[in-house]
């Protein structure tokens, strides 16, 4: 069994409270990982591996509607929806929007995906 520990700053070095892999992807789609943490953000990551076993991670989307720590993220069995819940008992169900992300404002990061509630 091979494993790798990628060295990245998850959630700005704040604790990550929940992680879930997308169960099903359409052919040609990237493998996605969702994370939630005490920084109130839900992040969608693209995960890929090289032939040498190196793991590459890239933030695809930053879902920032929660006001408190996100303590659970879970994909639906179909992989089409993502649920997230926070410390205020607020639950959001997210769906990917199939259009190009809006241009980022100056100084903001441009993400690869749009997600809506």
PDB file of N, CA and C in Angstrom:
ATOM      1  N   UNK A   1       0.846  -1.173   0.000  1.00  0.00           N
ATOM      2  CA  UNK A   1       0.000   0.000   0.000  1.00  0.00           C
ATOM      3  C   UNK A   1       0.889   1.232   0.000  1.00  0.00           C
ATOM      4  N   UNK A   2       0.589   2.155  -0.913  1.00  0.00           N
ATOM      5  CA  UNK A   2       1.315   3.419  -0.961  1.00  0.00           C
ATOM      6  C   UNK A   2       0.462   4.503  -0.330  1.00  0.00           C
ATOM      7  N   UNK A   3       1.118   5.449   0.290  1.00  0.00           N
ATOM      8  CA  UNK A   3       0.398   6.595   0.832  1.00  0.00           C
ATOM      9  C   UNK A   3       1.294   7.821   0.719  1.00  0.00           C
ATOM     10  N   UNK A   4       0.675   8.955   0.795  1.00  0.00           N
ATOM     11  CA  UNK A   4       1.415  10.212   0.735  1.00  0.00           C
ATOM     12  C   UNK A   4       0.747  11.201   1.668  1.00  0.00           C
ATOM     13  N   UNK A   5       1.541  12.050   2.249  1.00  0.00           N
ATOM     14  CA  UNK A   5       1.013  13.115   3.098  1.00  0.00           C
ATOM     15  C   UNK A   5       1.339  14.430   2.402  1.00  0.00           C
ATOM     16  N   UNK A   6       0.354  14.998   1.711  1.00  0.00           N
ATOM     17  CA  UNK A   6       0.633  16.257   1.021  1.00  0.00           C
ATOM     18  C   UNK A   6       0.832  17.389   2.017  1.00  0.00           C
ATOM     19  N   UNK A   7       1.788  18.239   1.736  1.00  0.00           N
ATOM     20  CA  UNK A   7       2.068  19.364   2.614  1.00  0.00           C
ATOM     21  C   UNK A   7       1.380  20.606   2.064  1.00  0.00           C
ATOM     22  N   UNK A   8       0.184  20.856   2.558  1.00  0.00           N
ATOM     23  CA  UNK A   8      -0.576  22.030   2.152  1.00  0.00           C
ATOM     24  C   UNK A   8      -1.169  22.670   3.394  1.00  0.00           C
ATOM     25  N   UNK A   9      -1.608  23.881   3.254  1.00  0.00           N
ATOM     26  CA  UNK A   9      -2.236  24.587   4.369  1.00  0.00           C
ATOM     27  C   UNK A   9      -3.747  24.410   4.265  1.00  0.00           C
ATOM     28  N   UNK A  10      -4.259  23.370   4.889  1.00  0.00           N
ATOM     29  CA  UNK A  10      -5.691  23.096   4.881  1.00  0.00           C
ATOM     30  C   UNK A  10      -6.403  24.173   5.683  1.00  0.00           C
ATOM     31  N   UNK A  11      -7.376  24.804   5.125  1.00  0.00           N
ATOM     32  CA  UNK A  11      -8.230  25.757   5.840  1.00  0.00           C
ATOM     33  C   UNK A  11      -7.412  26.777   6.634  1.00  0.00           C
ATOM     34  N   UNK A  12      -6.389  27.330   6.000  1.00  0.00           N
ATOM     35  CA  UNK A  12      -5.557  28.372   6.626  1.00  0.00           C
ATOM     36  C   UNK A  12      -4.969  27.935   7.963  1.00  0.00           C
ATOM     37  N   UNK A  13      -4.641  26.670   8.059  1.00  0.00           N
ATOM     38  CA  UNK A  13      -4.036  26.070   9.257  1.00  0.00           C
ATOM     39  C   UNK A  13      -5.005  25.927  10.432  1.00  0.00           C
ATOM     40  N   UNK A  14      -6.283  26.201  10.207  1.00  0.00           N
ATOM     41  CA  UNK A  14      -7.300  25.942  11.233  1.00  0.00           C
ATOM     42  C   UNK A  14      -7.666  24.459  11.189  1.00  0.00           C
ATOM     43  N   UNK A  15      -8.232  23.920  12.279  1.00  0.00           N
ATOM     44  CA  UNK A  15      -8.583  22.503  12.293  1.00  0.00           C
ATOM     45  C   UNK A  15      -9.596  22.133  11.205  1.00  0.00           C
ATOM     46  N   UNK A  16      -9.361  20.986  10.579  1.00  0.00           N
ATOM     47  CA  UNK A  16     -10.298  20.393   9.624  1.00  0.00           C
ATOM     48  C   UNK A  16     -11.144  19.397  10.409  1.00  0.00           C
ATOM     49  N   UNK A  17     -12.465  19.543  10.353  1.00  0.00           N
ATOM     50  CA  UNK A  17     -13.359  18.721  11.165  1.00  0.00           C
ATOM     51  C   UNK A  17     -14.038  17.605  10.391  1.00  0.00           C
ATOM     52  N   UNK A  18     -14.083  17.695   9.067  1.00  0.00           N
ATOM     53  CA  UNK A  18     -14.768  16.672   8.284  1.00  0.00           C
ATOM     54  C   UNK A  18     -14.162  16.579   6.889  1.00  0.00           C
ATOM     55  N   UNK A  19     -14.069  15.343   6.384  1.00  0.00           N
ATOM     56  CA  UNK A  19     -13.515  15.060   5.062  1.00  0.00           C
ATOM     57  C   UNK A  19     -14.380  13.994   4.412  1.00  0.00           C
ATOM     58  N   UNK A  20     -14.686  14.146   3.109  1.00  0.00           N
ATOM     59  CA  UNK A  20     -15.448  13.113   2.404  1.00  0.00           C
ATOM     60  C   UNK A  20     -15.065  13.115   0.928  1.00  0.00           C
ATOM     61  N   UNK A  21     -14.815  11.920   0.372  1.00  0.00           N
ATOM     62  CA  UNK A  21     -14.532  11.762  -1.046  1.00  0.00           C
ATOM     63  C   UNK A  21     -15.830  11.632  -1.823  1.00  0.00           C
ATOM     64  N   UNK A  22     -15.896  12.253  -2.993  1.00  0.00           N
ATOM     65  CA  UNK A  22     -17.060  12.111  -3.864  1.00  0.00           C
ATOM     66  C   UNK A  22     -17.127  10.659  -4.327  1.00  0.00           C
ATOM     67  N   UNK A  23     -18.286   9.977  -4.123  1.00  0.00           N
ATOM     68  CA  UNK A  23     -18.351   8.548  -4.404  1.00  0.00           C
ATOM     69  C   UNK A  23     -18.361   8.186  -5.881  1.00  0.00           C
ATOM     70  N   UNK A  24     -18.965   8.999  -6.713  1.00  0.00           N
ATOM     71  CA  UNK A  24     -19.069   8.681  -8.135  1.00  0.00           C
ATOM     72  C   UNK A  24     -18.735   9.921  -8.938  1.00  0.00           C
ATOM     73  N   UNK A  25     -17.997   9.709  -9.988  1.00  0.00           N
ATOM     74  CA  UNK A  25     -17.645  10.807 -10.883  1.00  0.00           C
ATOM     75  C   UNK A  25     -18.011  10.395 -12.300  1.00  0.00           C
ATOM     76  N   UNK A  26     -18.385  11.357 -13.097  1.00  0.00           N
ATOM     77  CA  UNK A  26     -18.624  11.089 -14.512  1.00  0.00           C
ATOM     78  C   UNK A  26     -17.282  10.788 -15.176  1.00  0.00           C
ATOM     79  N   UNK A  27     -17.290   9.976 -16.229  1.00  0.00           N
ATOM     80  CA  UNK A  27     -16.024   9.685 -16.915  1.00  0.00           C
ATOM     81  C   UNK A  27     -15.316  10.973 -17.335  1.00  0.00           C
ATOM     82  N   UNK A  28     -14.047  11.049 -17.020  1.00  0.00           N
ATOM     83  CA  UNK A  28     -13.265  12.231 -17.353  1.00  0.00           C
ATOM     84  C   UNK A  28     -13.284  13.315 -16.297  1.00  0.00           C
ATOM     85  N   UNK A  29     -14.178  13.209 -15.309  1.00  0.00           N
ATOM     86  CA  UNK A  29     -14.226  14.198 -14.232  1.00  0.00           C
ATOM     87  C   UNK A  29     -13.083  13.959 -13.251  1.00  0.00           C
ATOM     88  N   UNK A  30     -12.622  15.014 -12.592  1.00  0.00           N
ATOM     89  CA  UNK A  30     -11.573  14.839 -11.583  1.00  0.00           C
ATOM     90  C   UNK A  30     -12.127  14.170 -10.329  1.00  0.00           C
ATOM     91  N   UNK A  31     -11.239  13.547  -9.559  1.00  0.00           N
ATOM     92  CA  UNK A  31     -11.619  13.026  -8.251  1.00  0.00           C
ATOM     93  C   UNK A  31     -11.730  14.215  -7.311  1.00  0.00           C
ATOM     94  N   UNK A  32     -12.857  14.285  -6.578  1.00  0.00           N
ATOM     95  CA  UNK A  32     -13.085  15.423  -5.679  1.00  0.00           C
ATOM     96  C   UNK A  32     -13.087  14.972  -4.219  1.00  0.00           C
ATOM     97  N   UNK A  33     -12.612  15.874  -3.375  1.00  0.00           N
ATOM     98  CA  UNK A  33     -12.612  15.708  -1.931  1.00  0.00           C
ATOM     99  C   UNK A  33     -13.236  16.970  -1.354  1.00  0.00           C
ATOM    100  N   UNK A  34     -14.144  16.816  -0.403  1.00  0.00           N
ATOM    101  CA  UNK A  34     -14.732  17.968   0.286  1.00  0.00           C
ATOM    102  C   UNK A  34     -14.206  17.989   1.713  1.00  0.00           C
ATOM    103  N   UNK A  35     -13.882  19.186   2.212  1.00  0.00           N
ATOM    104  CA  UNK A  35     -13.438  19.345   3.592  1.00  0.00           C
ATOM    105  C   UNK A  35     -14.200  20.495   4.239  1.00  0.00           C
ATOM    106  N   UNK A  36     -14.425  20.375   5.533  1.00  0.00           N
ATOM    107  CA  UNK A  36     -15.055  21.436   6.310  1.00  0.00           C
ATOM    108  C   UNK A  36     -14.242  21.674   7.561  1.00  0.00           C
ATOM    109  N   UNK A  37     -14.192  22.921   8.019  1.00  0.00           N
ATOM    110  CA  UNK A  37     -13.356  23.210   9.172  1.00  0.00           C
ATOM    111  C   UNK A  37     -13.854  24.354  10.022  1.00  0.00           C
ATOM    112  N   UNK A  38     -13.046  24.681  11.022  1.00  0.00           N
ATOM    113  CA  UNK A  38     -13.420  25.724  11.970  1.00  0.00           C
ATOM    114  C   UNK A  38     -13.357  27.119  11.365  1.00  0.00           C
ATOM    115  N   UNK A  39     -12.796  27.245  10.167  1.00  0.00           N
ATOM    116  CA  UNK A  39     -12.740  28.550   9.496  1.00  0.00           C
ATOM    117  C   UNK A  39     -14.058  28.906   8.808  1.00  0.00           C
ATOM    118  N   UNK A  40     -15.082  28.081   8.942  1.00  0.00           N
ATOM    119  CA  UNK A  40     -16.446  28.238   8.398  1.00  0.00           C
ATOM    120  C   UNK A  40     -16.543  27.965   6.899  1.00  0.00           C
ATOM    121  N   UNK A  41     -15.493  27.485   6.277  1.00  0.00           N
ATOM    122  CA  UNK A  41     -15.502  27.235   4.835  1.00  0.00           C
ATOM    123  C   UNK A  41     -15.644  25.751   4.525  1.00  0.00           C
ATOM    124  N   UNK A  42     -16.273  25.470   3.392  1.00  0.00           N
ATOM    125  CA  UNK A  42     -16.279  24.142   2.785  1.00  0.00           C
ATOM    126  C   UNK A  42     -15.416  24.270   1.538  1.00  0.00           C
ATOM    127  N   UNK A  43     -14.404  23.422   1.429  1.00  0.00           N
ATOM    128  CA  UNK A  43     -13.527  23.456   0.266  1.00  0.00           C
ATOM    129  C   UNK A  43     -13.722  22.198  -0.565  1.00  0.00           C
ATOM    130  N   UNK A  44     -13.774  22.375  -1.877  1.00  0.00           N
ATOM    131  CA  UNK A  44     -13.799  21.262  -2.820  1.00  0.00           C
ATOM    132  C   UNK A  44     -12.407  21.199  -3.439  1.00  0.00           C
ATOM    133  N   UNK A  45     -11.798  20.019  -3.376  1.00  0.00           N
ATOM    134  CA  UNK A  45     -10.437  19.822  -3.871  1.00  0.00           C
ATOM    135  C   UNK A  45     -10.451  18.863  -5.049  1.00  0.00           C
ATOM    136  N   UNK A  46      -9.577  19.095  -6.040  1.00  0.00           N
ATOM    137  CA  UNK A  46      -9.267  18.106  -7.075  1.00  0.00           C
ATOM    138  C   UNK A  46      -8.068  17.316  -6.575  1.00  0.00           C
ATOM    139  N   UNK A  47      -8.148  15.993  -6.700  1.00  0.00           N
ATOM    140  CA  UNK A  47      -7.045  15.126  -6.288  1.00  0.00           C
ATOM    141  C   UNK A  47      -6.588  14.325  -7.497  1.00  0.00           C
ATOM    142  N   UNK A  48      -5.293  14.292  -7.704  1.00  0.00           N
ATOM    143  CA  UNK A  48      -4.727  13.460  -8.765  1.00  0.00           C
ATOM    144  C   UNK A  48      -3.404  12.891  -8.273  1.00  0.00           C
ATOM    145  N   UNK A  49      -2.994  11.808  -8.900  1.00  0.00           N
ATOM    146  CA  UNK A  49      -1.708  11.204  -8.560  1.00  0.00           C
ATOM    147  C   UNK A  49      -0.887  11.046  -9.837  1.00  0.00           C
ATOM    148  N   UNK A  50       0.403  11.143  -9.675  1.00  0.00           N
ATOM    149  CA  UNK A  50       1.308  10.938 -10.802  1.00  0.00           C
ATOM    150  C   UNK A  50       1.710   9.473 -10.845  1.00  0.00           C
ATOM    151  N   UNK A  51       2.396   9.083 -11.910  1.00  0.00           N
ATOM    152  CA  UNK A  51       2.866   7.703 -12.030  1.00  0.00           C
ATOM    153  C   UNK A  51       3.836   7.339 -10.916  1.00  0.00           C
ATOM    154  N   UNK A  52       4.543   8.329 -10.382  1.00  0.00           N
ATOM    155  CA  UNK A  52       5.495   8.060  -9.302  1.00  0.00           C
ATOM    156  C   UNK A  52       4.821   7.992  -7.931  1.00  0.00           C
ATOM    157  N   UNK A  53       3.500   8.268  -7.879  1.00  0.00           N
ATOM    158  CA  UNK A  53       2.771   8.187  -6.622  1.00  0.00           C
ATOM    159  C   UNK A  53       2.608   9.502  -5.899  1.00  0.00           C
ATOM    160  N   UNK A  54       3.098  10.587  -6.474  1.00  0.00           N
ATOM    161  CA  UNK A  54       2.944  11.898  -5.863  1.00  0.00           C
ATOM    162  C   UNK A  54       1.481  12.322  -5.925  1.00  0.00           C
ATOM    163  N   UNK A  55       0.962  12.834  -4.817  1.00  0.00           N
ATOM    164  CA  UNK A  55      -0.423  13.294  -4.755  1.00  0.00           C
ATOM    165  C   UNK A  55      -0.459  14.796  -4.990  1.00  0.00           C
ATOM    166  N   UNK A  56      -1.309  15.213  -5.918  1.00  0.00           N
ATOM    167  CA  UNK A  56      -1.497  16.635  -6.198  1.00  0.00           C
ATOM    168  C   UNK A  56      -2.892  17.045  -5.764  1.00  0.00           C
ATOM    169  N   UNK A  57      -2.986  18.150  -5.037  1.00  0.00           N
ATOM    170  CA  UNK A  57      -4.270  18.697  -4.591  1.00  0.00           C
ATOM    171  C   UNK A  57      -4.393  20.129  -5.080  1.00  0.00           C
ATOM    172  N   UNK A  58      -5.611  20.477  -5.510  1.00  0.00           N
ATOM    173  CA  UNK A  58      -5.874  21.829  -5.987  1.00  0.00           C
ATOM    174  C   UNK A  58      -7.273  22.229  -5.534  1.00  0.00           C
ATOM    175  N   UNK A  59      -7.410  23.419  -4.963  1.00  0.00           N
ATOM    176  CA  UNK A  59      -8.731  23.889  -4.536  1.00  0.00           C
ATOM    177  C   UNK A  59      -9.546  24.219  -5.781  1.00  0.00           C
ATOM    178  N   UNK A  60     -10.709  23.569  -5.921  1.00  0.00           N
ATOM    179  CA  UNK A  60     -11.598  23.800  -7.065  1.00  0.00           C
ATOM    180  C   UNK A  60     -12.686  24.803  -6.727  1.00  0.00           C
ATOM    181  N   UNK A  61     -13.096  24.856  -5.440  1.00  0.00           N
ATOM    182  CA  UNK A  61     -14.156  25.785  -5.030  1.00  0.00           C
ATOM    183  C   UNK A  61     -14.064  26.034  -3.533  1.00  0.00           C
ATOM    184  N   UNK A  62     -14.466  27.228  -3.140  1.00  0.00           N
ATOM    185  CA  UNK A  62     -14.538  27.624  -1.731  1.00  0.00           C
ATOM    186  C   UNK A  62     -15.983  28.030  -1.462  1.00  0.00           C
ATOM    187  N   UNK A  63     -16.699  27.201  -0.705  1.00  0.00           N
ATOM    188  CA  UNK A  63     -18.116  27.441  -0.413  1.00  0.00           C
ATOM    189  C   UNK A  63     -18.193  28.115   0.950  1.00  0.00           C
ATOM    190  N   UNK A  64     -18.575  29.372   0.973  1.00  0.00           N
ATOM    191  CA  UNK A  64     -18.446  30.163   2.206  1.00  0.00           C
ATOM    192  C   UNK A  64     -19.765  30.803   2.627  1.00  0.00           C
ATOM    193  N   UNK A  65     -20.780  29.989   2.888  1.00  0.00           N
ATOM    194  CA  UNK A  65     -22.065  30.505   3.365  1.00  0.00           C
ATOM    195  C   UNK A  65     -22.270  30.281   4.866  1.00  0.00           C
ATOM    196  N   UNK A  66     -21.493  29.383   5.463  1.00  0.00           N
ATOM    197  CA  UNK A  66     -21.645  29.101   6.891  1.00  0.00           C
ATOM    198  C   UNK A  66     -21.088  30.254   7.725  1.00  0.00           C
ATOM    199  N   UNK A  67     -21.686  30.458   8.906  1.00  0.00           N
ATOM    200  CA  UNK A  67     -21.230  31.497   9.829  1.00  0.00           C
ATOM    201  C   UNK A  67     -20.461  30.916  11.019  1.00  0.00           C
ATOM    202  N   UNK A  68     -20.587  29.612  11.223  1.00  0.00           N
ATOM    203  CA  UNK A  68     -19.896  28.922  12.326  1.00  0.00           C
ATOM    204  C   UNK A  68     -19.097  27.753  11.756  1.00  0.00           C
ATOM    205  N   UNK A  69     -18.319  27.098  12.611  1.00  0.00           N
ATOM    206  CA  UNK A  69     -17.475  25.984  12.190  1.00  0.00           C
ATOM    207  C   UNK A  69     -18.294  24.913  11.474  1.00  0.00           C
ATOM    208  N   UNK A  70     -17.770  24.436  10.358  1.00  0.00           N
ATOM    209  CA  UNK A  70     -18.415  23.372   9.581  1.00  0.00           C
ATOM    210  C   UNK A  70     -17.910  22.048  10.134  1.00  0.00           C
ATOM    211  N   UNK A  71     -18.814  21.287  10.769  1.00  0.00           N
ATOM    212  CA  UNK A  71     -18.382  20.048  11.406  1.00  0.00           C
ATOM    213  C   UNK A  71     -18.756  18.793  10.643  1.00  0.00           C
ATOM    214  N   UNK A  72     -19.448  18.921   9.497  1.00  0.00           N
ATOM    215  CA  UNK A  72     -19.730  17.740   8.682  1.00  0.00           C
ATOM    216  C   UNK A  72     -19.891  18.137   7.219  1.00  0.00           C
ATOM    217  N   UNK A  73     -19.264  17.356   6.336  1.00  0.00           N
ATOM    218  CA  UNK A  73     -19.489  17.432   4.892  1.00  0.00           C
ATOM    219  C   UNK A  73     -19.699  16.005   4.401  1.00  0.00           C
ATOM    220  N   UNK A  74     -20.735  15.801   3.575  1.00  0.00           N
ATOM    221  CA  UNK A  74     -21.027  14.463   3.046  1.00  0.00           C
ATOM    222  C   UNK A  74     -21.584  14.581   1.637  1.00  0.00           C
ATOM    223  N   UNK A  75     -21.047  13.747   0.747  1.00  0.00           N
ATOM    224  CA  UNK A  75     -21.579  13.659  -0.610  1.00  0.00           C
ATOM    225  C   UNK A  75     -22.804  12.764  -0.615  1.00  0.00           C
ATOM    226  N   UNK A  76     -23.746  13.038  -1.502  1.00  0.00           N
ATOM    227  CA  UNK A  76     -24.881  12.143  -1.714  1.00  0.00           C
ATOM    228  C   UNK A  76     -24.360  10.876  -2.390  1.00  0.00           C
ATOM    229  N   UNK A  77     -25.108   9.760  -2.305  1.00  0.00           N
ATOM    230  CA  UNK A  77     -24.646   8.523  -2.946  1.00  0.00           C
ATOM    231  C   UNK A  77     -24.373   8.679  -4.446  1.00  0.00           C
ATOM    232  N   UNK A  78     -25.109   9.562  -5.105  1.00  0.00           N
ATOM    233  CA  UNK A  78     -24.894   9.774  -6.544  1.00  0.00           C
ATOM    234  C   UNK A  78     -23.677  10.650  -6.817  1.00  0.00           C
ATOM    235  N   UNK A  79     -23.200  11.374  -5.802  1.00  0.00           N
ATOM    236  CA  UNK A  79     -22.086  12.292  -5.978  1.00  0.00           C
ATOM    237  C   UNK A  79     -22.488  13.624  -6.575  1.00  0.00           C
ATOM    238  N   UNK A  80     -23.787  13.819  -6.800  1.00  0.00           N
ATOM    239  CA  UNK A  80     -24.274  15.051  -7.427  1.00  0.00           C
ATOM    240  C   UNK A  80     -24.430  16.191  -6.423  1.00  0.00           C
ATOM    241  N   UNK A  81     -24.756  15.855  -5.179  1.00  0.00           N
ATOM    242  CA  UNK A  81     -25.009  16.861  -4.146  1.00  0.00           C
ATOM    243  C   UNK A  81     -23.994  16.719  -3.024  1.00  0.00           C
ATOM    244  N   UNK A  82     -23.749  17.842  -2.345  1.00  0.00           N
ATOM    245  CA  UNK A  82     -22.875  17.859  -1.177  1.00  0.00           C
ATOM    246  C   UNK A  82     -23.627  18.528  -0.042  1.00  0.00           C
ATOM    247  N   UNK A  83     -23.721  17.862   1.094  1.00  0.00           N
ATOM    248  CA  UNK A  83     -24.342  18.442   2.274  1.00  0.00           C
ATOM    249  C   UNK A  83     -23.272  18.922   3.236  1.00  0.00           C
ATOM    250  N   UNK A  84     -23.556  20.046   3.917  1.00  0.00           N
ATOM    251  CA  UNK A  84     -22.629  20.549   4.933  1.00  0.00           C
ATOM    252  C   UNK A  84     -23.439  21.077   6.109  1.00  0.00           C
ATOM    253  N   UNK A  85     -22.935  20.847   7.310  1.00  0.00           N
ATOM    254  CA  UNK A  85     -23.613  21.300   8.520  1.00  0.00           C
ATOM    255  C   UNK A  85     -22.638  21.986   9.452  1.00  0.00           C
ATOM    256  N   UNK A  86     -23.170  22.952  10.226  1.00  0.00           N
ATOM    257  CA  UNK A  86     -22.279  23.723  11.091  1.00  0.00           C
ATOM    258  C   UNK A  86     -22.723  23.690  12.552  1.00  0.00           C
ATOM    259  N   UNK A  87     -21.989  24.404  13.392  1.00  0.00           N
ATOM    260  CA  UNK A  87     -22.232  24.425  14.832  1.00  0.00           C
ATOM    261  C   UNK A  87     -23.525  25.121  15.228  1.00  0.00           C
ATOM    262  N   UNK A  88     -24.168  25.840  14.310  1.00  0.00           N
ATOM    263  CA  UNK A  88     -25.458  26.474  14.585  1.00  0.00           C
ATOM    264  C   UNK A  88     -26.626  25.610  14.116  1.00  0.00           C
ATOM    265  N   UNK A  89     -26.343  24.362  13.770  1.00  0.00           N
ATOM    266  CA  UNK A  89     -27.349  23.419  13.257  1.00  0.00           C
ATOM    267  C   UNK A  89     -27.918  23.854  11.914  1.00  0.00           C
ATOM    268  N   UNK A  90     -27.144  24.610  11.141  1.00  0.00           N
ATOM    269  CA  UNK A  90     -27.534  25.015   9.796  1.00  0.00           C
ATOM    270  C   UNK A  90     -26.981  23.982   8.819  1.00  0.00           C
ATOM    271  N   UNK A  91     -27.846  23.506   7.921  1.00  0.00           N
ATOM    272  CA  UNK A  91     -27.443  22.533   6.908  1.00  0.00           C
ATOM    273  C   UNK A  91     -27.663  23.149   5.532  1.00  0.00           C
ATOM    274  N   UNK A  92     -26.660  23.042   4.682  1.00  0.00           N
ATOM    275  CA  UNK A  92     -26.779  23.463   3.288  1.00  0.00           C
ATOM    276  C   UNK A  92     -26.615  22.240   2.402  1.00  0.00           C
ATOM    277  N   UNK A  93     -27.388  22.188   1.328  1.00  0.00           N
ATOM    278  CA  UNK A  93     -27.214  21.171   0.295  1.00  0.00           C
ATOM    279  C   UNK A  93     -26.757  21.910  -0.958  1.00  0.00           C
ATOM    280  N   UNK A  94     -25.577  21.545  -1.430  1.00  0.00           N
ATOM    281  CA  UNK A  94     -24.922  22.225  -2.544  1.00  0.00           C
ATOM    282  C   UNK A  94     -25.036  21.398  -3.816  1.00  0.00           C
ATOM    283  N   UNK A  95     -25.109  22.079  -4.952  1.00  0.00           N
ATOM    284  CA  UNK A  95     -25.105  21.428  -6.264  1.00  0.00           C
ATOM    285  C   UNK A  95     -24.179  22.233  -7.169  1.00  0.00           C
ATOM    286  N   UNK A  96     -23.386  21.513  -7.956  1.00  0.00           N
ATOM    287  CA  UNK A  96     -22.472  22.202  -8.861  1.00  0.00           C
ATOM    288  C   UNK A  96     -23.253  22.875  -9.982  1.00  0.00           C
ATOM    289  N   UNK A  97     -22.883  24.107 -10.256  1.00  0.00           N
ATOM    290  CA  UNK A  97     -23.490  24.886 -11.332  1.00  0.00           C
ATOM    291  C   UNK A  97     -22.642  24.676 -12.584  1.00  0.00           C
ATOM    292  N   UNK A  98     -23.270  24.239 -13.661  1.00  0.00           N
ATOM    293  CA  UNK A  98     -22.531  23.882 -14.871  1.00  0.00           C
ATOM    294  C   UNK A  98     -22.274  25.076 -15.777  1.00  0.00           C
ATOM    295  N   UNK A  99     -21.577  26.048 -15.256  1.00  0.00           N
ATOM    296  CA  UNK A  99     -21.136  27.178 -16.069  1.00  0.00           C
ATOM    297  C   UNK A  99     -19.811  27.673 -15.521  1.00  0.00           C
ATOM    298  N   UNK A 100     -19.121  28.430 -16.321  1.00  0.00           N
ATOM    299  CA  UNK A 100     -17.819  28.951 -15.914  1.00  0.00           C
ATOM    300  C   UNK A 100     -17.969  29.870 -14.700  1.00  0.00           C
ATOM    301  N   UNK A 101     -17.028  29.798 -13.757  1.00  0.00           N
ATOM    302  CA  UNK A 101     -17.073  30.723 -12.616  1.00  0.00           C
ATOM    303  C   UNK A 101     -16.964  32.170 -13.083  1.00  0.00           C
ATOM    304  N   UNK A 102     -17.601  33.053 -12.326  1.00  0.00           N
ATOM    305  CA  UNK A 102     -17.513  34.485 -12.621  1.00  0.00           C
ATOM    306  C   UNK A 102     -16.070  34.943 -12.431  1.00  0.00           C
ATOM    307  N   UNK A 103     -15.651  35.944 -13.180  1.00  0.00           N
ATOM    308  CA  UNK A 103     -14.280  36.449 -13.002  1.00  0.00           C
ATOM    309  C   UNK A 103     -14.053  36.912 -11.562  1.00  0.00           C
ATOM    310  N   UNK A 104     -12.884  36.594 -11.037  1.00  0.00           N
ATOM    311  CA  UNK A 104     -12.552  36.969  -9.660  1.00  0.00           C
ATOM    312  C   UNK A 104     -12.239  38.457  -9.586  1.00  0.00           C
ATOM    313  N   UNK A 105     -12.575  39.047  -8.453  1.00  0.00           N
ATOM    314  CA  UNK A 105     -12.196  40.439  -8.199  1.00  0.00           C
ATOM    315  C   UNK A 105     -10.683  40.496  -8.017  1.00  0.00           C
ATOM    316  N   UNK A 106     -10.115  41.669  -8.187  1.00  0.00           N
ATOM    317  CA  UNK A 106      -8.675  41.812  -8.019  1.00  0.00           C
ATOM    318  C   UNK A 106      -8.278  41.415  -6.601  1.00  0.00           C
ATOM    319  N   UNK A 107      -7.280  40.562  -6.486  1.00  0.00           N
ATOM    320  CA  UNK A 107      -6.808  40.107  -5.187  1.00  0.00           C
ATOM    321  C   UNK A 107      -7.508  38.858  -4.688  1.00  0.00           C
ATOM    322  N   UNK A 108      -8.569  38.404  -5.375  1.00  0.00           N
ATOM    323  CA  UNK A 108      -9.272  37.185  -4.988  1.00  0.00           C
ATOM    324  C   UNK A 108      -8.796  36.027  -5.853  1.00  0.00           C
ATOM    325  N   UNK A 109      -8.915  34.823  -5.305  1.00  0.00           N
ATOM    326  CA  UNK A 109      -8.509  33.634  -6.035  1.00  0.00           C
ATOM    327  C   UNK A 109      -9.608  33.217  -7.009  1.00  0.00           C
ATOM    328  N   UNK A 110      -9.208  32.790  -8.210  1.00  0.00           N
ATOM    329  CA  UNK A 110     -10.154  32.299  -9.214  1.00  0.00           C
ATOM    330  C   UNK A 110     -10.301  30.791  -9.028  1.00  0.00           C
ATOM    331  N   UNK A 111     -11.522  30.318  -8.832  1.00  0.00           N
ATOM    332  CA  UNK A 111     -11.770  28.894  -8.645  1.00  0.00           C
ATOM    333  C   UNK A 111     -12.262  28.264  -9.935  1.00  0.00           C
ATOM    334  N   UNK A 112     -12.197  26.947 -10.011  1.00  0.00           N
ATOM    335  CA  UNK A 112     -12.546  26.220 -11.221  1.00  0.00           C
ATOM    336  C   UNK A 112     -14.021  25.839 -11.297  1.00  0.00           C
ATOM    337  N   UNK A 113     -14.724  25.841 -10.158  1.00  0.00           N
ATOM    338  CA  UNK A 113     -16.116  25.392 -10.132  1.00  0.00           C
ATOM    339  C   UNK A 113     -16.998  26.389  -9.393  1.00  0.00           C
ATOM    340  N   UNK A 114     -18.268  26.412  -9.775  1.00  0.00           N
ATOM    341  CA  UNK A 114     -19.309  27.162  -9.065  1.00  0.00           C
ATOM    342  C   UNK A 114     -20.241  26.168  -8.398  1.00  0.00           C
ATOM    343  N   UNK A 115     -20.615  26.439  -7.158  1.00  0.00           N
ATOM    344  CA  UNK A 115     -21.580  25.611  -6.437  1.00  0.00           C
ATOM    345  C   UNK A 115     -22.662  26.518  -5.879  1.00  0.00           C
ATOM    346  N   UNK A 116     -23.908  26.052  -5.912  1.00  0.00           N
ATOM    347  CA  UNK A 116     -25.043  26.837  -5.425  1.00  0.00           C
ATOM    348  C   UNK A 116     -25.823  26.018  -4.406  1.00  0.00           C
ATOM    349  N   UNK A 117     -26.574  26.739  -3.575  1.00  0.00           N
ATOM    350  CA  UNK A 117     -27.414  26.092  -2.560  1.00  0.00           C
ATOM    351  C   UNK A 117     -28.746  25.769  -3.179  1.00  0.00           C
TER     352      UNK A 117
END
